Protein backbone atom coordinates (compact mmCIF):
# COMPACT_ATOMS: atom_id res chain seq x y z
CA ASN A 1 -29.49 -46.71 -32.37
CA ALA A 2 -31.88 -47.92 -35.07
CA GLY A 3 -34.88 -46.17 -33.48
CA CYS A 4 -33.09 -42.81 -33.52
CA ASP A 5 -31.97 -43.31 -37.11
CA LEU A 6 -35.55 -44.09 -38.13
CA ALA A 7 -36.86 -41.01 -36.35
CA VAL A 8 -34.27 -38.78 -38.04
CA SER A 9 -35.10 -40.29 -41.43
CA ARG A 10 -38.80 -39.63 -40.87
CA LEU A 11 -38.13 -36.03 -39.85
CA LEU A 12 -35.82 -35.43 -42.82
CA ASP A 13 -38.49 -36.81 -45.12
CA ARG A 14 -41.23 -34.77 -43.42
CA PHE A 15 -39.37 -31.48 -43.96
CA ARG A 16 -37.73 -32.41 -47.27
CA LEU A 17 -39.76 -29.82 -49.21
CA HIS A 18 -39.55 -27.01 -46.64
CA PRO A 19 -38.29 -23.80 -48.31
CA ALA A 20 -35.35 -23.58 -45.88
CA GLY A 21 -34.51 -27.26 -46.36
CA PRO A 22 -34.79 -30.05 -43.81
CA VAL A 23 -31.47 -29.55 -41.99
CA PRO A 24 -32.10 -25.96 -40.81
CA VAL A 25 -35.61 -26.90 -39.67
CA LEU A 26 -34.39 -29.92 -37.70
CA SER A 27 -31.49 -27.91 -36.29
CA LEU A 28 -33.98 -25.38 -34.97
CA LEU A 29 -36.04 -28.12 -33.34
CA TYR A 30 -32.91 -29.53 -31.72
CA GLN A 31 -31.73 -26.10 -30.54
CA CYS A 32 -35.13 -25.30 -29.07
CA HIS A 33 -35.17 -28.62 -27.20
CA GLY A 34 -31.74 -27.99 -25.66
CA ALA A 35 -32.56 -24.41 -24.73
CA SER A 36 -35.88 -25.40 -23.16
CA ALA A 37 -34.22 -28.16 -21.14
CA ALA A 38 -31.55 -25.71 -19.93
CA LEU A 39 -34.22 -23.19 -18.91
CA ILE A 40 -36.20 -25.80 -16.96
CA ALA A 41 -33.07 -27.05 -15.17
CA ALA A 42 -31.82 -23.55 -14.34
CA THR A 43 -35.25 -22.52 -13.03
CA ILE A 44 -35.66 -25.58 -10.78
CA LEU A 45 -32.15 -25.22 -9.38
CA ALA A 46 -32.57 -21.48 -8.70
CA ARG A 47 -35.87 -22.05 -6.91
CA HIS A 48 -34.30 -24.75 -4.77
CA ARG A 49 -31.47 -22.35 -3.83
CA HIS A 50 -33.86 -19.40 -3.34
CA GLU A 51 -31.86 -17.27 -5.73
CA PRO A 52 -32.39 -15.67 -9.14
CA ARG A 53 -32.13 -17.99 -12.13
CA ARG A 54 -28.76 -17.96 -13.85
CA SER A 55 -28.76 -17.42 -17.56
CA ALA A 56 -29.58 -20.82 -19.04
CA ILE A 57 -28.20 -19.85 -22.44
CA GLU A 58 -24.80 -18.37 -21.76
CA GLN A 59 -23.61 -17.87 -25.30
CA THR A 60 -24.61 -18.16 -28.90
CA VAL A 61 -22.71 -18.18 -32.17
CA ARG A 62 -23.51 -16.04 -35.20
CA MET A 63 -21.87 -15.83 -38.59
CA THR A 64 -21.29 -12.51 -40.31
CA SER A 65 -22.82 -12.24 -43.77
CA VAL A 66 -20.95 -9.02 -44.62
CA ASP A 67 -17.82 -7.31 -43.26
CA THR A 68 -19.01 -5.94 -39.92
CA PRO A 69 -17.27 -3.16 -37.98
CA ILE A 70 -17.30 -3.61 -34.20
CA GLY A 71 -15.43 -0.85 -32.39
CA ASP A 72 -12.05 -0.47 -34.05
CA ARG A 73 -12.11 -3.96 -35.62
CA VAL A 74 -13.80 -5.42 -38.67
CA ILE A 75 -15.23 -8.94 -38.55
CA VAL A 76 -14.77 -10.36 -42.03
CA ALA A 77 -17.82 -11.83 -43.80
CA GLY A 78 -18.19 -15.54 -43.14
CA ARG A 79 -16.49 -15.48 -39.72
CA SER A 80 -18.17 -16.89 -36.62
CA VAL A 81 -18.66 -14.64 -33.63
CA VAL A 82 -19.37 -15.95 -30.13
CA LEU A 83 -21.79 -13.71 -28.25
CA ASP A 84 -21.72 -13.72 -24.44
CA LEU A 85 -25.32 -13.68 -23.21
CA LYS A 86 -24.47 -14.60 -19.61
CA ASN A 87 -23.18 -11.13 -18.78
CA SER A 88 -25.30 -9.16 -21.23
CA GLY A 89 -28.59 -9.20 -19.35
CA PHE A 90 -30.23 -10.34 -22.61
CA GLU A 91 -30.64 -14.09 -22.22
CA PHE A 92 -33.09 -14.17 -25.12
CA GLY A 93 -31.32 -11.53 -27.21
CA ALA A 94 -32.74 -8.06 -27.75
CA GLY A 95 -34.31 -5.84 -30.37
CA ARG A 96 -34.55 -7.36 -33.81
CA HIS A 97 -32.30 -10.19 -32.62
CA GLU A 98 -34.54 -11.22 -29.74
CA SER A 99 -35.47 -14.88 -29.85
CA PRO A 100 -38.79 -15.34 -31.63
CA GLY A 101 -39.39 -18.32 -29.36
CA ARG A 102 -39.00 -16.44 -26.08
CA ASN A 103 -42.68 -16.48 -25.09
CA LEU A 104 -43.04 -20.13 -26.03
CA ALA A 105 -39.87 -21.08 -24.12
CA GLU A 106 -41.00 -19.18 -21.03
CA ALA A 107 -44.43 -20.83 -21.19
CA ILE A 108 -42.86 -24.29 -21.55
CA PHE A 109 -40.44 -23.98 -18.64
CA SER A 110 -43.00 -22.26 -16.42
CA GLY A 111 -45.57 -24.99 -17.15
CA MET A 112 -43.07 -27.79 -16.59
CA VAL A 113 -41.93 -26.38 -13.25
CA LYS A 114 -45.54 -25.87 -12.10
CA ALA A 115 -46.49 -29.40 -13.16
CA LEU A 116 -43.53 -30.97 -11.36
CA THR A 117 -44.27 -28.98 -8.22
CA ALA A 118 -47.98 -29.82 -8.34
CA GLN A 119 -47.14 -33.53 -8.62
CA GLY A 120 -44.94 -33.37 -5.53
CA TYR A 121 -41.53 -33.69 -7.16
CA HIS A 122 -38.53 -32.21 -5.41
CA LEU A 123 -34.90 -31.85 -6.38
CA LEU A 124 -32.20 -34.16 -5.02
CA PRO A 125 -29.49 -31.45 -4.83
CA ASN A 126 -26.59 -33.74 -3.94
CA LEU A 127 -27.10 -35.69 -7.19
CA VAL A 128 -27.21 -32.72 -9.60
CA GLU A 129 -24.77 -33.11 -12.50
CA TYR A 130 -23.11 -30.01 -13.90
CA ALA A 131 -21.68 -29.16 -17.31
CA PRO A 132 -18.12 -27.74 -17.40
CA ASP A 133 -19.58 -24.21 -17.43
CA ARG A 134 -21.41 -25.01 -14.13
CA ARG A 135 -24.89 -25.07 -15.68
CA PRO A 136 -27.01 -27.99 -14.51
CA ARG A 137 -26.94 -30.91 -16.94
CA ALA A 138 -29.04 -33.42 -14.98
CA LEU A 139 -31.47 -32.72 -12.15
CA PRO A 140 -32.45 -35.92 -10.36
CA MET A 141 -35.85 -35.54 -8.75
CA GLU A 142 -37.96 -37.63 -6.46
CA ARG A 143 -41.70 -37.66 -5.98
CA GLN A 144 -42.81 -37.18 -2.40
CA ALA A 145 -45.37 -39.66 -1.15
CA ARG A 146 -48.78 -38.07 -0.72
CA ASP A 147 -50.46 -38.16 2.65
CA ARG A 148 -52.96 -41.01 2.35
CA THR A 149 -55.02 -39.75 5.31
CA MET A 150 -55.92 -36.66 3.29
CA GLN A 151 -57.37 -38.82 0.50
CA SER A 152 -59.68 -40.89 2.71
C-alpha cells in the first residue's frame, strides 16, 4: 500500500537522528500499539463475560547479553528466551523489568473502554474473532440507538 509506505518513510525520516536509531523507536511504537489493542480487547471481553481480564500479553521475548545461569542451566549470550507472562501474575513485568509504559497503557485502555461504554457501544459476542492462543483478535461492536424521547 503506497499510503503505508509513505507513512513508514516519514516516520523513518522523523527518527533518523534518534540516538537509538529509527528502527528501535518505530518498533517500540508498533509494540505499544499491539499491546494496547490487546489490553482493550481483553478488557471489553472480560467485562462482557463478567469475569477477570485474562492476561492480554501472554509472553515476551528477551535476548541474553551475557551468559545467564537459570537454575541448573546456562543461557548462552545472544540466545532468545521466551518468558511466559500469562501464568506469572506479572502481565507488565516486575521490578526493574516492569514495563515503563504500564501506567500509560492502563490509562489508554481504561479511557477507551469508558468512552465506548459512554457512547452506547456493546460487544457482539458471537462475532468475536480469536487468535490461535484464544486471545481476542477482533471485537465487533454495535452502537445502541439512544432513546429519542429522553432528548426531547
